[in-house]
Amino acid sequence: MYHCRACGEELFRSTEKFASHCGWPSFFSPLAGDKVIEREDRSHGMVRTEVLCANCGSHLGHVFAGEGYDTPTDLRYCINSISMTLEEKEI
């Protein structure tokens, strides 16, 4: 389970992580829709969708759609690894 580094909220499961080869951890879905906030980001001369922790408002990264990855959602939550911690659990 991946948690917000700032507040500890559970955000993403490793089962939704995939190799996008972009250099940052990529997920095709958050743990639940209410765990993250998505908002328009027009910084750096482009339009993107910013992803924030819904619990504390910390910036996590961005989400991109329609890039053609073979995932169930065709979304790539490109999350900065410094914004999360990984808690390994036995299954």
PDB file of N, CA and C in Angstrom:
ATOM      1  N   MET A   1       0.844  -1.173   0.000  1.00  0.00           N
ATOM      2  CA  MET A   1       0.000   0.000   0.000  1.00  0.00           C
ATOM      3  C   MET A   1       0.891   1.238   0.000  1.00  0.00           C
ATOM      4  N   TYR A   2       0.559   2.201  -0.853  1.00  0.00           N
ATOM      5  CA  TYR A   2       1.279   3.471  -0.900  1.00  0.00           C
ATOM      6  C   TYR A   2       0.484   4.520  -0.136  1.00  0.00           C
ATOM      7  N   HIS A   3       1.178   5.236   0.750  1.00  0.00           N
ATOM      8  CA  HIS A   3       0.567   6.228   1.629  1.00  0.00           C
ATOM      9  C   HIS A   3       1.103   7.617   1.308  1.00  0.00           C
ATOM     10  N   CYS A   4       0.310   8.629   1.602  1.00  0.00           N
ATOM     11  CA  CYS A   4       0.771  10.011   1.509  1.00  0.00           C
ATOM     12  C   CYS A   4       1.873  10.210   2.546  1.00  0.00           C
ATOM     13  N   ARG A   5       3.007  10.710   2.107  1.00  0.00           N
ATOM     14  CA  ARG A   5       4.129  10.930   3.031  1.00  0.00           C
ATOM     15  C   ARG A   5       3.779  11.991   4.076  1.00  0.00           C
ATOM     16  N   ALA A   6       2.959  12.965   3.730  1.00  0.00           N
ATOM     17  CA  ALA A   6       2.644  14.065   4.643  1.00  0.00           C
ATOM     18  C   ALA A   6       1.685  13.661   5.762  1.00  0.00           C
ATOM     19  N   CYS A   7       0.635  12.875   5.430  1.00  0.00           N
ATOM     20  CA  CYS A   7      -0.392  12.597   6.440  1.00  0.00           C
ATOM     21  C   CYS A   7      -0.630  11.112   6.714  1.00  0.00           C
ATOM     22  N   GLY A   8      -0.072  10.231   5.881  1.00  0.00           N
ATOM     23  CA  GLY A   8      -0.237   8.798   6.107  1.00  0.00           C
ATOM     24  C   GLY A   8      -1.465   8.169   5.464  1.00  0.00           C
ATOM     25  N   GLU A   9      -2.270   8.949   4.773  1.00  0.00           N
ATOM     26  CA  GLU A   9      -3.486   8.418   4.130  1.00  0.00           C
ATOM     27  C   GLU A   9      -3.122   7.359   3.077  1.00  0.00           C
ATOM     28  N   GLU A  10      -3.884   6.269   3.037  1.00  0.00           N
ATOM     29  CA  GLU A  10      -3.692   5.253   2.005  1.00  0.00           C
ATOM     30  C   GLU A  10      -4.197   5.797   0.678  1.00  0.00           C
ATOM     31  N   LEU A  11      -3.358   5.708  -0.380  1.00  0.00           N
ATOM     32  CA  LEU A  11      -3.700   6.319  -1.660  1.00  0.00           C
ATOM     33  C   LEU A  11      -3.758   5.336  -2.825  1.00  0.00           C
ATOM     34  N   PHE A  12      -2.745   4.479  -2.964  1.00  0.00           N
ATOM     35  CA  PHE A  12      -2.637   3.581  -4.108  1.00  0.00           C
ATOM     36  C   PHE A  12      -2.212   2.196  -3.646  1.00  0.00           C
ATOM     37  N   ARG A  13      -2.656   1.176  -4.392  1.00  0.00           N
ATOM     38  CA  ARG A  13      -2.219  -0.205  -4.158  1.00  0.00           C
ATOM     39  C   ARG A  13      -1.155  -0.568  -5.188  1.00  0.00           C
ATOM     40  N   SER A  14      -0.254  -1.421  -4.804  1.00  0.00           N
ATOM     41  CA  SER A  14       0.772  -1.869  -5.749  1.00  0.00           C
ATOM     42  C   SER A  14       0.154  -2.695  -6.872  1.00  0.00           C
ATOM     43  N   THR A  15      -1.038  -3.258  -6.674  1.00  0.00           N
ATOM     44  CA  THR A  15      -1.699  -4.037  -7.725  1.00  0.00           C
ATOM     45  C   THR A  15      -2.163  -3.151  -8.880  1.00  0.00           C
ATOM     46  N   GLU A  16      -2.264  -1.839  -8.667  1.00  0.00           N
ATOM     47  CA  GLU A  16      -2.655  -0.905  -9.716  1.00  0.00           C
ATOM     48  C   GLU A  16      -1.442  -0.167 -10.294  1.00  0.00           C
ATOM     49  N   LYS A  17      -0.249  -0.543  -9.890  1.00  0.00           N
ATOM     50  CA  LYS A  17       0.984   0.062 -10.389  1.00  0.00           C
ATOM     51  C   LYS A  17       1.394  -0.647 -11.679  1.00  0.00           C
ATOM     52  N   PHE A  18       1.944   0.104 -12.629  1.00  0.00           N
ATOM     53  CA  PHE A  18       2.405  -0.512 -13.871  1.00  0.00           C
ATOM     54  C   PHE A  18       3.660   0.194 -14.371  1.00  0.00           C
ATOM     55  N   ALA A  19       4.377  -0.468 -15.249  1.00  0.00           N
ATOM     56  CA  ALA A  19       5.624   0.073 -15.800  1.00  0.00           C
ATOM     57  C   ALA A  19       5.318   0.968 -16.988  1.00  0.00           C
ATOM     58  N   SER A  20       5.430   2.278 -16.787  1.00  0.00           N
ATOM     59  CA  SER A  20       5.201   3.227 -17.877  1.00  0.00           C
ATOM     60  C   SER A  20       6.526   3.723 -18.452  1.00  0.00           C
ATOM     61  N   HIS A  21       7.606   3.418 -17.762  1.00  0.00           N
ATOM     62  CA  HIS A  21       8.958   3.803 -18.186  1.00  0.00           C
ATOM     63  C   HIS A  21       9.129   5.317 -18.276  1.00  0.00           C
ATOM     64  N   CYS A  22       8.422   6.043 -17.388  1.00  0.00           N
ATOM     65  CA  CYS A  22       8.539   7.504 -17.375  1.00  0.00           C
ATOM     66  C   CYS A  22       9.493   7.980 -16.278  1.00  0.00           C
ATOM     67  N   GLY A  23       9.937   7.066 -15.419  1.00  0.00           N
ATOM     68  CA  GLY A  23      10.845   7.438 -14.344  1.00  0.00           C
ATOM     69  C   GLY A  23      10.166   7.674 -13.002  1.00  0.00           C
ATOM     70  N   TRP A  24       8.856   7.812 -12.987  1.00  0.00           N
ATOM     71  CA  TRP A  24       8.101   7.997 -11.751  1.00  0.00           C
ATOM     72  C   TRP A  24       7.134   6.835 -11.608  1.00  0.00           C
ATOM     73  N   PRO A  25       6.749   6.482 -10.375  1.00  0.00           N
ATOM     74  CA  PRO A  25       5.750   5.424 -10.209  1.00  0.00           C
ATOM     75  C   PRO A  25       4.443   5.793 -10.926  1.00  0.00           C
ATOM     76  N   SER A  26       3.874   4.831 -11.639  1.00  0.00           N
ATOM     77  CA  SER A  26       2.631   5.048 -12.382  1.00  0.00           C
ATOM     78  C   SER A  26       1.569   4.063 -11.929  1.00  0.00           C
ATOM     79  N   PHE A  27       0.366   4.558 -11.766  1.00  0.00           N
ATOM     80  CA  PHE A  27      -0.773   3.755 -11.334  1.00  0.00           C
ATOM     81  C   PHE A  27      -1.919   4.013 -12.300  1.00  0.00           C
ATOM     82  N   PHE A  28      -2.791   3.008 -12.519  1.00  0.00           N
ATOM     83  CA  PHE A  28      -3.935   3.241 -13.400  1.00  0.00           C
ATOM     84  C   PHE A  28      -5.176   3.633 -12.636  1.00  0.00           C
ATOM     85  N   SER A  29      -5.119   3.604 -11.290  1.00  0.00           N
ATOM     86  CA  SER A  29      -6.268   3.993 -10.478  1.00  0.00           C
ATOM     87  C   SER A  29      -5.826   4.256  -9.046  1.00  0.00           C
ATOM     88  N   PRO A  30      -6.413   5.264  -8.375  1.00  0.00           N
ATOM     89  CA  PRO A  30      -6.157   5.432  -6.947  1.00  0.00           C
ATOM     90  C   PRO A  30      -6.926   4.373  -6.161  1.00  0.00           C
ATOM     91  N   LEU A  31      -6.642   4.274  -4.882  1.00  0.00           N
ATOM     92  CA  LEU A  31      -7.327   3.317  -4.001  1.00  0.00           C
ATOM     93  C   LEU A  31      -8.838   3.490  -4.093  1.00  0.00           C
ATOM     94  N   ALA A  32      -9.301   4.718  -4.030  1.00  0.00           N
ATOM     95  CA  ALA A  32     -10.729   5.051  -4.181  1.00  0.00           C
ATOM     96  C   ALA A  32     -10.807   6.474  -4.705  1.00  0.00           C
ATOM     97  N   GLY A  33     -11.879   6.790  -5.397  1.00  0.00           N
ATOM     98  CA  GLY A  33     -12.030   8.105  -5.999  1.00  0.00           C
ATOM     99  C   GLY A  33     -11.975   9.256  -5.017  1.00  0.00           C
ATOM    100  N   ASP A  34     -12.345   8.997  -3.772  1.00  0.00           N
ATOM    101  CA  ASP A  34     -12.346  10.074  -2.791  1.00  0.00           C
ATOM    102  C   ASP A  34     -11.011  10.226  -2.073  1.00  0.00           C
ATOM    103  N   LYS A  35     -10.003   9.441  -2.438  1.00  0.00           N
ATOM    104  CA  LYS A  35      -8.688   9.522  -1.802  1.00  0.00           C
ATOM    105  C   LYS A  35      -7.814  10.615  -2.416  1.00  0.00           C
ATOM    106  N   VAL A  36      -8.125  10.996  -3.650  1.00  0.00           N
ATOM    107  CA  VAL A  36      -7.350  12.036  -4.322  1.00  0.00           C
ATOM    108  C   VAL A  36      -8.284  13.114  -4.881  1.00  0.00           C
ATOM    109  N   ILE A  37      -7.726  14.291  -5.057  1.00  0.00           N
ATOM    110  CA  ILE A  37      -8.414  15.408  -5.698  1.00  0.00           C
ATOM    111  C   ILE A  37      -7.705  15.645  -7.024  1.00  0.00           C
ATOM    112  N   GLU A  38      -8.459  15.847  -8.070  1.00  0.00           N
ATOM    113  CA  GLU A  38      -7.887  16.172  -9.376  1.00  0.00           C
ATOM    114  C   GLU A  38      -8.325  17.575  -9.747  1.00  0.00           C
ATOM    115  N   ARG A  39      -7.355  18.409 -10.147  1.00  0.00           N
ATOM    116  CA  ARG A  39      -7.694  19.777 -10.546  1.00  0.00           C
ATOM    117  C   ARG A  39      -6.801  20.222 -11.698  1.00  0.00           C
ATOM    118  N   GLU A  40      -7.333  21.135 -12.488  1.00  0.00           N
ATOM    119  CA  GLU A  40      -6.599  21.642 -13.647  1.00  0.00           C
ATOM    120  C   GLU A  40      -5.342  22.381 -13.203  1.00  0.00           C
ATOM    121  N   ASP A  41      -4.258  22.119 -13.909  1.00  0.00           N
ATOM    122  CA  ASP A  41      -2.965  22.745 -13.636  1.00  0.00           C
ATOM    123  C   ASP A  41      -2.463  23.365 -14.940  1.00  0.00           C
ATOM    124  N   ARG A  42      -2.372  24.679 -14.983  1.00  0.00           N
ATOM    125  CA  ARG A  42      -1.923  25.386 -16.188  1.00  0.00           C
ATOM    126  C   ARG A  42      -0.503  25.930 -16.025  1.00  0.00           C
ATOM    127  N   SER A  43       0.262  25.377 -15.101  1.00  0.00           N
ATOM    128  CA  SER A  43       1.630  25.845 -14.899  1.00  0.00           C
ATOM    129  C   SER A  43       2.553  25.350 -16.012  1.00  0.00           C
ATOM    130  N   HIS A  44       3.685  25.982 -16.145  1.00  0.00           N
ATOM    131  CA  HIS A  44       4.734  25.591 -17.094  1.00  0.00           C
ATOM    132  C   HIS A  44       4.263  25.601 -18.549  1.00  0.00           C
ATOM    133  N   GLY A  45       3.280  26.448 -18.875  1.00  0.00           N
ATOM    134  CA  GLY A  45       2.839  26.615 -20.248  1.00  0.00           C
ATOM    135  C   GLY A  45       2.088  25.444 -20.845  1.00  0.00           C
ATOM    136  N   MET A  46       1.504  24.602 -20.004  1.00  0.00           N
ATOM    137  CA  MET A  46       0.734  23.459 -20.512  1.00  0.00           C
ATOM    138  C   MET A  46      -0.491  23.240 -19.634  1.00  0.00           C
ATOM    139  N   VAL A  47      -1.422  22.441 -20.127  1.00  0.00           N
ATOM    140  CA  VAL A  47      -2.613  22.099 -19.348  1.00  0.00           C
ATOM    141  C   VAL A  47      -2.497  20.630 -18.942  1.00  0.00           C
ATOM    142  N   ARG A  48      -2.523  20.408 -17.637  1.00  0.00           N
ATOM    143  CA  ARG A  48      -2.449  19.052 -17.088  1.00  0.00           C
ATOM    144  C   ARG A  48      -3.480  18.926 -15.974  1.00  0.00           C
ATOM    145  N   THR A  49      -3.620  17.716 -15.450  1.00  0.00           N
ATOM    146  CA  THR A  49      -4.493  17.492 -14.305  1.00  0.00           C
ATOM    147  C   THR A  49      -3.629  17.116 -13.111  1.00  0.00           C
ATOM    148  N   GLU A  50      -3.618  17.999 -12.126  1.00  0.00           N
ATOM    149  CA  GLU A  50      -2.834  17.782 -10.909  1.00  0.00           C
ATOM    150  C   GLU A  50      -3.567  16.797 -10.003  1.00  0.00           C
ATOM    151  N   VAL A  51      -2.806  15.983  -9.274  1.00  0.00           N
ATOM    152  CA  VAL A  51      -3.352  15.033  -8.307  1.00  0.00           C
ATOM    153  C   VAL A  51      -2.867  15.448  -6.919  1.00  0.00           C
ATOM    154  N   LEU A  52      -3.833  15.593  -5.991  1.00  0.00           N
ATOM    155  CA  LEU A  52      -3.529  15.985  -4.618  1.00  0.00           C
ATOM    156  C   LEU A  52      -4.123  14.969  -3.652  1.00  0.00           C
ATOM    157  N   CYS A  53      -3.518  14.831  -2.492  1.00  0.00           N
ATOM    158  CA  CYS A  53      -4.097  14.002  -1.433  1.00  0.00           C
ATOM    159  C   CYS A  53      -5.374  14.687  -0.947  1.00  0.00           C
ATOM    160  N   ALA A  54      -6.474  13.966  -0.929  1.00  0.00           N
ATOM    161  CA  ALA A  54      -7.751  14.545  -0.497  1.00  0.00           C
ATOM    162  C   ALA A  54      -7.762  14.829   1.004  1.00  0.00           C
ATOM    163  N   ASN A  55      -6.944  14.128   1.753  1.00  0.00           N
ATOM    164  CA  ASN A  55      -6.930  14.306   3.204  1.00  0.00           C
ATOM    165  C   ASN A  55      -6.187  15.576   3.627  1.00  0.00           C
ATOM    166  N   CYS A  56      -4.995  15.823   3.033  1.00  0.00           N
ATOM    167  CA  CYS A  56      -4.181  16.952   3.494  1.00  0.00           C
ATOM    168  C   CYS A  56      -3.859  17.983   2.418  1.00  0.00           C
ATOM    169  N   GLY A  57      -4.190  17.683   1.153  1.00  0.00           N
ATOM    170  CA  GLY A  57      -3.960  18.636   0.080  1.00  0.00           C
ATOM    171  C   GLY A  57      -2.566  18.628  -0.509  1.00  0.00           C
ATOM    172  N   SER A  58      -1.713  17.694  -0.115  1.00  0.00           N
ATOM    173  CA  SER A  58      -0.352  17.634  -0.651  1.00  0.00           C
ATOM    174  C   SER A  58      -0.350  17.288  -2.135  1.00  0.00           C
ATOM    175  N   HIS A  59       0.551  17.942  -2.868  1.00  0.00           N
ATOM    176  CA  HIS A  59       0.739  17.642  -4.293  1.00  0.00           C
ATOM    177  C   HIS A  59       1.371  16.265  -4.422  1.00  0.00           C
ATOM    178  N   LEU A  60       0.768  15.410  -5.276  1.00  0.00           N
ATOM    179  CA  LEU A  60       1.280  14.055  -5.490  1.00  0.00           C
ATOM    180  C   LEU A  60       1.895  13.892  -6.874  1.00  0.00           C
ATOM    181  N   GLY A  61       1.338  14.545  -7.864  1.00  0.00           N
ATOM    182  CA  GLY A  61       1.801  14.401  -9.241  1.00  0.00           C
ATOM    183  C   GLY A  61       0.706  14.826 -10.193  1.00  0.00           C
ATOM    184  N   HIS A  62       0.609  14.118 -11.326  1.00  0.00           N
ATOM    185  CA  HIS A  62      -0.397  14.439 -12.339  1.00  0.00           C
ATOM    186  C   HIS A  62      -1.002  13.154 -12.893  1.00  0.00           C
ATOM    187  N   VAL A  63      -2.182  13.270 -13.482  1.00  0.00           N
ATOM    188  CA  VAL A  63      -2.816  12.131 -14.147  1.00  0.00           C
ATOM    189  C   VAL A  63      -2.996  12.491 -15.620  1.00  0.00           C
ATOM    190  N   PHE A  64      -2.699  11.504 -16.475  1.00  0.00           N
ATOM    191  CA  PHE A  64      -2.787  11.682 -17.918  1.00  0.00           C
ATOM    192  C   PHE A  64      -3.704  10.612 -18.497  1.00  0.00           C
ATOM    193  N   ALA A  65      -4.489  10.975 -19.495  1.00  0.00           N
ATOM    194  CA  ALA A  65      -5.438  10.049 -20.121  1.00  0.00           C
ATOM    195  C   ALA A  65      -5.102   9.876 -21.597  1.00  0.00           C
ATOM    196  N   GLY A  66      -5.500   8.717 -22.124  1.00  0.00           N
ATOM    197  CA  GLY A  66      -5.419   8.487 -23.554  1.00  0.00           C
ATOM    198  C   GLY A  66      -4.026   8.303 -24.112  1.00  0.00           C
ATOM    199  N   GLU A  67      -3.109   7.799 -23.308  1.00  0.00           N
ATOM    200  CA  GLU A  67      -1.740   7.601 -23.785  1.00  0.00           C
ATOM    201  C   GLU A  67      -1.520   6.227 -24.412  1.00  0.00           C
ATOM    202  N   GLY A  68      -2.541   5.368 -24.352  1.00  0.00           N
ATOM    203  CA  GLY A  68      -2.458   4.070 -25.012  1.00  0.00           C
ATOM    204  C   GLY A  68      -1.831   2.948 -24.205  1.00  0.00           C
ATOM    205  N   TYR A  69      -1.683   3.128 -22.911  1.00  0.00           N
ATOM    206  CA  TYR A  69      -1.170   2.035 -22.078  1.00  0.00           C
ATOM    207  C   TYR A  69      -2.216   0.936 -21.980  1.00  0.00           C
ATOM    208  N   ASP A  70      -1.760  -0.291 -21.887  1.00  0.00           N
ATOM    209  CA  ASP A  70      -2.655  -1.445 -21.782  1.00  0.00           C
ATOM    210  C   ASP A  70      -3.083  -1.629 -20.325  1.00  0.00           C
ATOM    211  N   THR A  71      -3.924  -0.725 -19.858  1.00  0.00           N
ATOM    212  CA  THR A  71      -4.440  -0.765 -18.490  1.00  0.00           C
ATOM    213  C   THR A  71      -5.966  -0.686 -18.546  1.00  0.00           C
ATOM    214  N   PRO A  72      -6.639  -1.094 -17.483  1.00  0.00           N
ATOM    215  CA  PRO A  72      -8.113  -1.077 -17.494  1.00  0.00           C
ATOM    216  C   PRO A  72      -8.736   0.310 -17.633  1.00  0.00           C
ATOM    217  N   THR A  73      -8.021   1.363 -17.243  1.00  0.00           N
ATOM    218  CA  THR A  73      -8.613   2.700 -17.240  1.00  0.00           C
ATOM    219  C   THR A  73      -8.066   3.630 -18.323  1.00  0.00           C
ATOM    220  N   ASP A  74      -6.967   3.287 -18.957  1.00  0.00           N
ATOM    221  CA  ASP A  74      -6.260   4.149 -19.905  1.00  0.00           C
ATOM    222  C   ASP A  74      -5.858   5.469 -19.246  1.00  0.00           C
ATOM    223  N   LEU A  75      -5.598   5.413 -17.936  1.00  0.00           N
ATOM    224  CA  LEU A  75      -5.104   6.559 -17.186  1.00  0.00           C
ATOM    225  C   LEU A  75      -3.717   6.239 -16.655  1.00  0.00           C
ATOM    226  N   ARG A  76      -2.899   7.289 -16.500  1.00  0.00           N
ATOM    227  CA  ARG A  76      -1.580   7.128 -15.880  1.00  0.00           C
ATOM    228  C   ARG A  76      -1.451   8.174 -14.787  1.00  0.00           C
ATOM    229  N   TYR A  77      -1.605   7.732 -13.542  1.00  0.00           N
ATOM    230  CA  TYR A  77      -1.353   8.585 -12.395  1.00  0.00           C
ATOM    231  C   TYR A  77       0.156   8.576 -12.194  1.00  0.00           C
ATOM    232  N   CYS A  78       0.807   9.637 -12.622  1.00  0.00           N
ATOM    233  CA  CYS A  78       2.258   9.777 -12.569  1.00  0.00           C
ATOM    234  C   CYS A  78       2.576  10.483 -11.248  1.00  0.00           C
ATOM    235  N   ILE A  79       3.009   9.711 -10.266  1.00  0.00           N
ATOM    236  CA  ILE A  79       3.115  10.198  -8.893  1.00  0.00           C
ATOM    237  C   ILE A  79       4.580  10.314  -8.477  1.00  0.00           C
ATOM    238  N   ASN A  80       4.936  11.440  -7.898  1.00  0.00           N
ATOM    239  CA  ASN A  80       6.291  11.663  -7.433  1.00  0.00           C
ATOM    240  C   ASN A  80       6.586  10.735  -6.265  1.00  0.00           C
ATOM    241  N   SER A  81       7.621   9.924  -6.377  1.00  0.00           N
ATOM    242  CA  SER A  81       7.917   8.935  -5.337  1.00  0.00           C
ATOM    243  C   SER A  81       8.236   9.580  -3.993  1.00  0.00           C
ATOM    244  N   ILE A  82       8.700  10.817  -3.983  1.00  0.00           N
ATOM    245  CA  ILE A  82       9.003  11.494  -2.721  1.00  0.00           C
ATOM    246  C   ILE A  82       7.730  11.835  -1.947  1.00  0.00           C
ATOM    247  N   SER A  83       6.576  11.841  -2.613  1.00  0.00           N
ATOM    248  CA  SER A  83       5.314  12.204  -1.962  1.00  0.00           C
ATOM    249  C   SER A  83       4.621  11.023  -1.297  1.00  0.00           C
ATOM    250  N   MET A  84       5.220   9.805  -1.430  1.00  0.00           N
ATOM    251  CA  MET A  84       4.577   8.615  -0.886  1.00  0.00           C
ATOM    252  C   MET A  84       5.554   7.766  -0.069  1.00  0.00           C
ATOM    253  N   THR A  85       4.987   6.929   0.771  1.00  0.00           N
ATOM    254  CA  THR A  85       5.741   5.884   1.441  1.00  0.00           C
ATOM    255  C   THR A  85       5.064   4.554   1.110  1.00  0.00           C
ATOM    256  N   LEU A  86       5.842   3.499   1.085  1.00  0.00           N
ATOM    257  CA  LEU A  86       5.316   2.170   0.789  1.00  0.00           C
ATOM    258  C   LEU A  86       5.270   1.355   2.071  1.00  0.00           C
ATOM    259  N   GLU A  87       4.101   0.799   2.368  1.00  0.00           N
ATOM    260  CA  GLU A  87       3.945  -0.108   3.498  1.00  0.00           C
ATOM    261  C   GLU A  87       3.699  -1.484   2.932  1.00  0.00           C
ATOM    262  N   GLU A  88       4.659  -2.373   3.111  1.00  0.00           N
ATOM    263  CA  GLU A  88       4.503  -3.725   2.593  1.00  0.00           C
ATOM    264  C   GLU A  88       3.650  -4.544   3.554  1.00  0.00           C
ATOM    265  N   LYS A  89       2.713  -5.297   2.981  1.00  0.00           N
ATOM    266  CA  LYS A  89       1.814  -6.134   3.777  1.00  0.00           C
ATOM    267  C   LYS A  89       1.845  -7.556   3.231  1.00  0.00           C
ATOM    268  N   GLU A  90       1.753  -8.509   4.115  1.00  0.00           N
ATOM    269  CA  GLU A  90       1.652  -9.913   3.713  1.00  0.00           C
ATOM    270  C   GLU A  90       0.263 -10.181   3.170  1.00  0.00           C
ATOM    271  N   ILE A  91       0.191 -10.916   2.082  1.00  0.00           N
ATOM    272  CA  ILE A  91      -1.119 -11.251   1.493  1.00  0.00           C
ATOM    273  C   ILE A  91      -1.445 -12.687   1.766  1.00  0.00           C
TER     274      ILE A  91
END
